[in-house]
Amino acid sequence: MTNINKNSIDRIERGVPLPSNRSGKTGWMHITRNMQIGDSVLCENIKELYLMKNAMYKLRYSTTFQQLENDKYRIWRTK
């Protein structure tokens, strides 16, 4: 049986919003499923671009992307 330190209970916090899960597999698929033709997503780096592109490929969406300033990318769902 595990001993619970009763002093640690005061560390519980409520109302703190969950972070966006864009980095996980389900996060990218969730974003992609909610996209309509013509919608776009700003990717902060090339890794995010490839993750987004892969998620769109798995859903058989057509895409196009453009490199922006500061090594950012924008990807569109085209079909």
N, C-alpha and C. Protein backbone atom coordinates (compact mmCIF):
# COMPACT_ATOMS: atom_id res chain seq x y z
N MET A 1 0.84 -1.18 0.00
CA MET A 1 0.00 0.00 0.00
C MET A 1 0.88 1.24 0.00
N THR A 2 0.48 2.23 -0.76
CA THR A 2 1.26 3.45 -0.88
C THR A 2 0.87 4.44 0.21
N ASN A 3 1.86 5.03 0.82
CA ASN A 3 1.61 6.08 1.79
C ASN A 3 1.38 7.39 1.06
N ILE A 4 0.33 8.09 1.42
CA ILE A 4 0.04 9.38 0.81
C ILE A 4 0.42 10.47 1.80
N ASN A 5 1.21 11.38 1.33
CA ASN A 5 1.62 12.50 2.15
C ASN A 5 0.46 13.49 2.18
N LYS A 6 -0.19 13.65 3.30
CA LYS A 6 -1.34 14.54 3.41
C LYS A 6 -0.97 15.99 3.15
N ASN A 7 0.28 16.34 3.30
CA ASN A 7 0.71 17.72 3.04
C ASN A 7 0.73 18.04 1.55
N SER A 8 0.73 17.01 0.70
CA SER A 8 0.79 17.27 -0.74
C SER A 8 -0.58 17.61 -1.31
N ILE A 9 -1.65 17.35 -0.57
CA ILE A 9 -2.99 17.60 -1.08
C ILE A 9 -3.22 19.08 -1.33
N ASP A 10 -2.60 19.95 -0.58
CA ASP A 10 -2.79 21.38 -0.80
C ASP A 10 -2.16 21.87 -2.10
N ARG A 11 -1.47 20.99 -2.82
CA ARG A 11 -0.85 21.36 -4.09
C ARG A 11 -1.78 21.15 -5.28
N ILE A 12 -2.96 20.57 -5.04
CA ILE A 12 -3.91 20.36 -6.13
C ILE A 12 -4.44 21.72 -6.56
N GLU A 13 -4.46 21.95 -7.88
CA GLU A 13 -4.96 23.21 -8.42
C GLU A 13 -6.09 22.92 -9.38
N ARG A 14 -7.14 23.70 -9.30
CA ARG A 14 -8.28 23.54 -10.19
C ARG A 14 -8.38 24.75 -11.11
N GLY A 15 -8.94 24.52 -12.30
CA GLY A 15 -9.18 25.63 -13.22
C GLY A 15 -7.99 26.00 -14.09
N VAL A 16 -6.93 25.24 -14.05
CA VAL A 16 -5.77 25.51 -14.89
C VAL A 16 -6.04 24.86 -16.25
N PRO A 17 -6.08 25.63 -17.34
CA PRO A 17 -6.41 25.05 -18.64
C PRO A 17 -5.33 24.08 -19.13
N LEU A 18 -5.77 23.03 -19.81
CA LEU A 18 -4.84 22.07 -20.39
C LEU A 18 -4.11 22.71 -21.55
N PRO A 19 -2.84 22.37 -21.77
CA PRO A 19 -2.12 22.91 -22.91
C PRO A 19 -2.61 22.29 -24.20
N SER A 20 -2.43 23.01 -25.28
CA SER A 20 -2.78 22.48 -26.59
C SER A 20 -1.89 21.30 -26.91
N ASN A 21 -2.46 20.23 -27.42
CA ASN A 21 -1.69 19.02 -27.72
C ASN A 21 -1.42 18.93 -29.21
N ARG A 22 -0.76 19.91 -29.77
CA ARG A 22 -0.45 19.88 -31.19
C ARG A 22 0.70 18.95 -31.50
N SER A 23 1.50 18.64 -30.49
CA SER A 23 2.67 17.83 -30.77
C SER A 23 2.37 16.34 -30.84
N GLY A 24 1.30 15.91 -30.22
CA GLY A 24 0.97 14.49 -30.24
C GLY A 24 0.23 14.09 -31.50
N LYS A 25 0.23 12.79 -31.78
CA LYS A 25 -0.43 12.27 -32.97
C LYS A 25 -1.91 12.62 -32.99
N THR A 26 -2.58 12.47 -31.86
CA THR A 26 -4.01 12.77 -31.84
C THR A 26 -4.28 14.26 -31.98
N GLY A 27 -3.36 15.07 -31.53
CA GLY A 27 -3.52 16.52 -31.67
C GLY A 27 -3.53 16.96 -33.12
N TRP A 28 -2.60 16.44 -33.92
CA TRP A 28 -2.55 16.80 -35.33
C TRP A 28 -3.74 16.26 -36.09
N MET A 29 -4.16 15.03 -35.77
CA MET A 29 -5.32 14.45 -36.43
C MET A 29 -6.59 15.23 -36.07
N HIS A 30 -6.69 15.68 -34.84
CA HIS A 30 -7.86 16.45 -34.41
C HIS A 30 -7.93 17.77 -35.19
N ILE A 31 -6.82 18.44 -35.32
CA ILE A 31 -6.80 19.70 -36.08
C ILE A 31 -7.19 19.42 -37.53
N THR A 32 -6.61 18.39 -38.12
CA THR A 32 -6.84 18.08 -39.53
C THR A 32 -8.30 17.73 -39.79
N ARG A 33 -8.88 16.93 -38.94
CA ARG A 33 -10.28 16.53 -39.13
C ARG A 33 -11.23 17.71 -39.11
N ASN A 34 -10.87 18.77 -38.40
CA ASN A 34 -11.74 19.95 -38.31
C ASN A 34 -11.52 20.95 -39.44
N MET A 35 -10.61 20.66 -40.35
CA MET A 35 -10.32 21.58 -41.45
C MET A 35 -11.28 21.36 -42.61
N GLN A 36 -11.68 22.45 -43.22
CA GLN A 36 -12.48 22.41 -44.44
C GLN A 36 -11.58 22.84 -45.59
N ILE A 37 -12.01 22.57 -46.82
CA ILE A 37 -11.24 22.97 -47.99
C ILE A 37 -11.02 24.48 -47.95
N GLY A 38 -9.78 24.90 -48.11
CA GLY A 38 -9.41 26.31 -48.07
C GLY A 38 -8.88 26.76 -46.72
N ASP A 39 -9.06 25.97 -45.67
CA ASP A 39 -8.53 26.31 -44.35
C ASP A 39 -7.03 26.10 -44.32
N SER A 40 -6.35 26.84 -43.47
CA SER A 40 -4.90 26.71 -43.35
C SER A 40 -4.49 26.71 -41.88
N VAL A 41 -3.26 26.23 -41.66
CA VAL A 41 -2.68 26.17 -40.31
C VAL A 41 -1.26 26.73 -40.40
N LEU A 42 -0.90 27.56 -39.44
CA LEU A 42 0.46 28.09 -39.36
C LEU A 42 1.31 27.10 -38.57
N CYS A 43 2.38 26.61 -39.17
CA CYS A 43 3.31 25.69 -38.53
C CYS A 43 4.55 26.46 -38.12
N GLU A 44 4.98 26.28 -36.89
CA GLU A 44 6.09 27.05 -36.34
C GLU A 44 7.46 26.63 -36.89
N ASN A 45 7.56 25.42 -37.44
CA ASN A 45 8.83 24.96 -38.00
C ASN A 45 8.56 23.82 -38.98
N ILE A 46 9.61 23.32 -39.61
CA ILE A 46 9.44 22.29 -40.64
C ILE A 46 8.95 20.98 -40.04
N LYS A 47 9.31 20.69 -38.79
CA LYS A 47 8.84 19.46 -38.14
C LYS A 47 7.31 19.49 -38.01
N GLU A 48 6.77 20.61 -37.57
CA GLU A 48 5.32 20.74 -37.47
C GLU A 48 4.67 20.62 -38.84
N LEU A 49 5.30 21.18 -39.86
CA LEU A 49 4.77 21.08 -41.21
C LEU A 49 4.66 19.62 -41.63
N TYR A 50 5.71 18.84 -41.42
CA TYR A 50 5.68 17.43 -41.81
C TYR A 50 4.67 16.64 -41.00
N LEU A 51 4.51 16.94 -39.71
CA LEU A 51 3.51 16.27 -38.90
C LEU A 51 2.09 16.57 -39.41
N MET A 52 1.85 17.83 -39.76
CA MET A 52 0.55 18.23 -40.28
C MET A 52 0.31 17.61 -41.64
N LYS A 53 1.31 17.63 -42.49
CA LYS A 53 1.20 17.06 -43.83
C LYS A 53 0.93 15.57 -43.74
N ASN A 54 1.57 14.87 -42.82
CA ASN A 54 1.37 13.44 -42.64
C ASN A 54 -0.05 13.15 -42.17
N ALA A 55 -0.55 13.94 -41.23
CA ALA A 55 -1.92 13.76 -40.75
C ALA A 55 -2.92 13.96 -41.88
N MET A 56 -2.69 14.95 -42.73
CA MET A 56 -3.58 15.21 -43.86
C MET A 56 -3.50 14.08 -44.89
N TYR A 57 -2.32 13.55 -45.09
CA TYR A 57 -2.14 12.44 -46.03
C TYR A 57 -2.92 11.21 -45.57
N LYS A 58 -2.88 10.95 -44.26
CA LYS A 58 -3.60 9.79 -43.72
C LYS A 58 -5.10 9.92 -43.92
N LEU A 59 -5.62 11.15 -43.94
CA LEU A 59 -7.04 11.38 -44.17
C LEU A 59 -7.35 11.59 -45.66
N ARG A 60 -6.33 11.43 -46.48
CA ARG A 60 -6.45 11.56 -47.95
C ARG A 60 -6.87 12.97 -48.38
N TYR A 61 -6.40 13.97 -47.65
CA TYR A 61 -6.63 15.36 -48.02
C TYR A 61 -5.49 15.83 -48.92
N SER A 62 -5.83 16.64 -49.90
CA SER A 62 -4.79 17.27 -50.72
C SER A 62 -4.32 18.53 -50.01
N THR A 63 -3.04 18.85 -50.15
CA THR A 63 -2.47 20.00 -49.45
C THR A 63 -1.56 20.79 -50.36
N THR A 64 -1.30 21.99 -49.94
CA THR A 64 -0.23 22.81 -50.48
C THR A 64 0.31 23.62 -49.32
N PHE A 65 1.57 24.02 -49.40
CA PHE A 65 2.14 24.80 -48.31
C PHE A 65 3.07 25.86 -48.87
N GLN A 66 3.39 26.82 -48.02
CA GLN A 66 4.28 27.92 -48.40
C GLN A 66 5.19 28.23 -47.23
N GLN A 67 6.48 28.44 -47.53
CA GLN A 67 7.42 28.85 -46.49
C GLN A 67 7.28 30.34 -46.27
N LEU A 68 7.22 30.72 -45.01
CA LEU A 68 7.09 32.12 -44.63
C LEU A 68 8.40 32.59 -44.01
N GLU A 69 8.39 33.79 -43.48
CA GLU A 69 9.57 34.32 -42.80
C GLU A 69 9.85 33.54 -41.51
N ASN A 70 11.05 33.62 -41.05
CA ASN A 70 11.48 33.01 -39.78
C ASN A 70 11.26 31.49 -39.75
N ASP A 71 11.44 30.83 -40.88
CA ASP A 71 11.31 29.38 -40.99
C ASP A 71 9.95 28.85 -40.52
N LYS A 72 8.90 29.64 -40.70
CA LYS A 72 7.54 29.20 -40.43
C LYS A 72 6.90 28.79 -41.76
N TYR A 73 5.87 27.98 -41.67
CA TYR A 73 5.19 27.48 -42.86
C TYR A 73 3.69 27.59 -42.66
N ARG A 74 2.97 27.77 -43.77
CA ARG A 74 1.51 27.72 -43.76
C ARG A 74 1.09 26.59 -44.68
N ILE A 75 0.19 25.72 -44.20
CA ILE A 75 -0.28 24.60 -44.98
C ILE A 75 -1.81 24.73 -45.15
N TRP A 76 -2.27 24.49 -46.37
CA TRP A 76 -3.69 24.58 -46.70
C TRP A 76 -4.24 23.21 -47.05
N ARG A 77 -5.50 22.99 -46.73
CA ARG A 77 -6.22 21.82 -47.25
C ARG A 77 -6.87 22.27 -48.55
N THR A 78 -6.54 21.56 -49.64
CA THR A 78 -7.04 21.96 -50.96
C THR A 78 -8.18 21.08 -51.47
N LYS A 79 -8.25 19.82 -51.07
CA LYS A 79 -9.35 18.93 -51.48
C LYS A 79 -9.61 17.92 -50.41
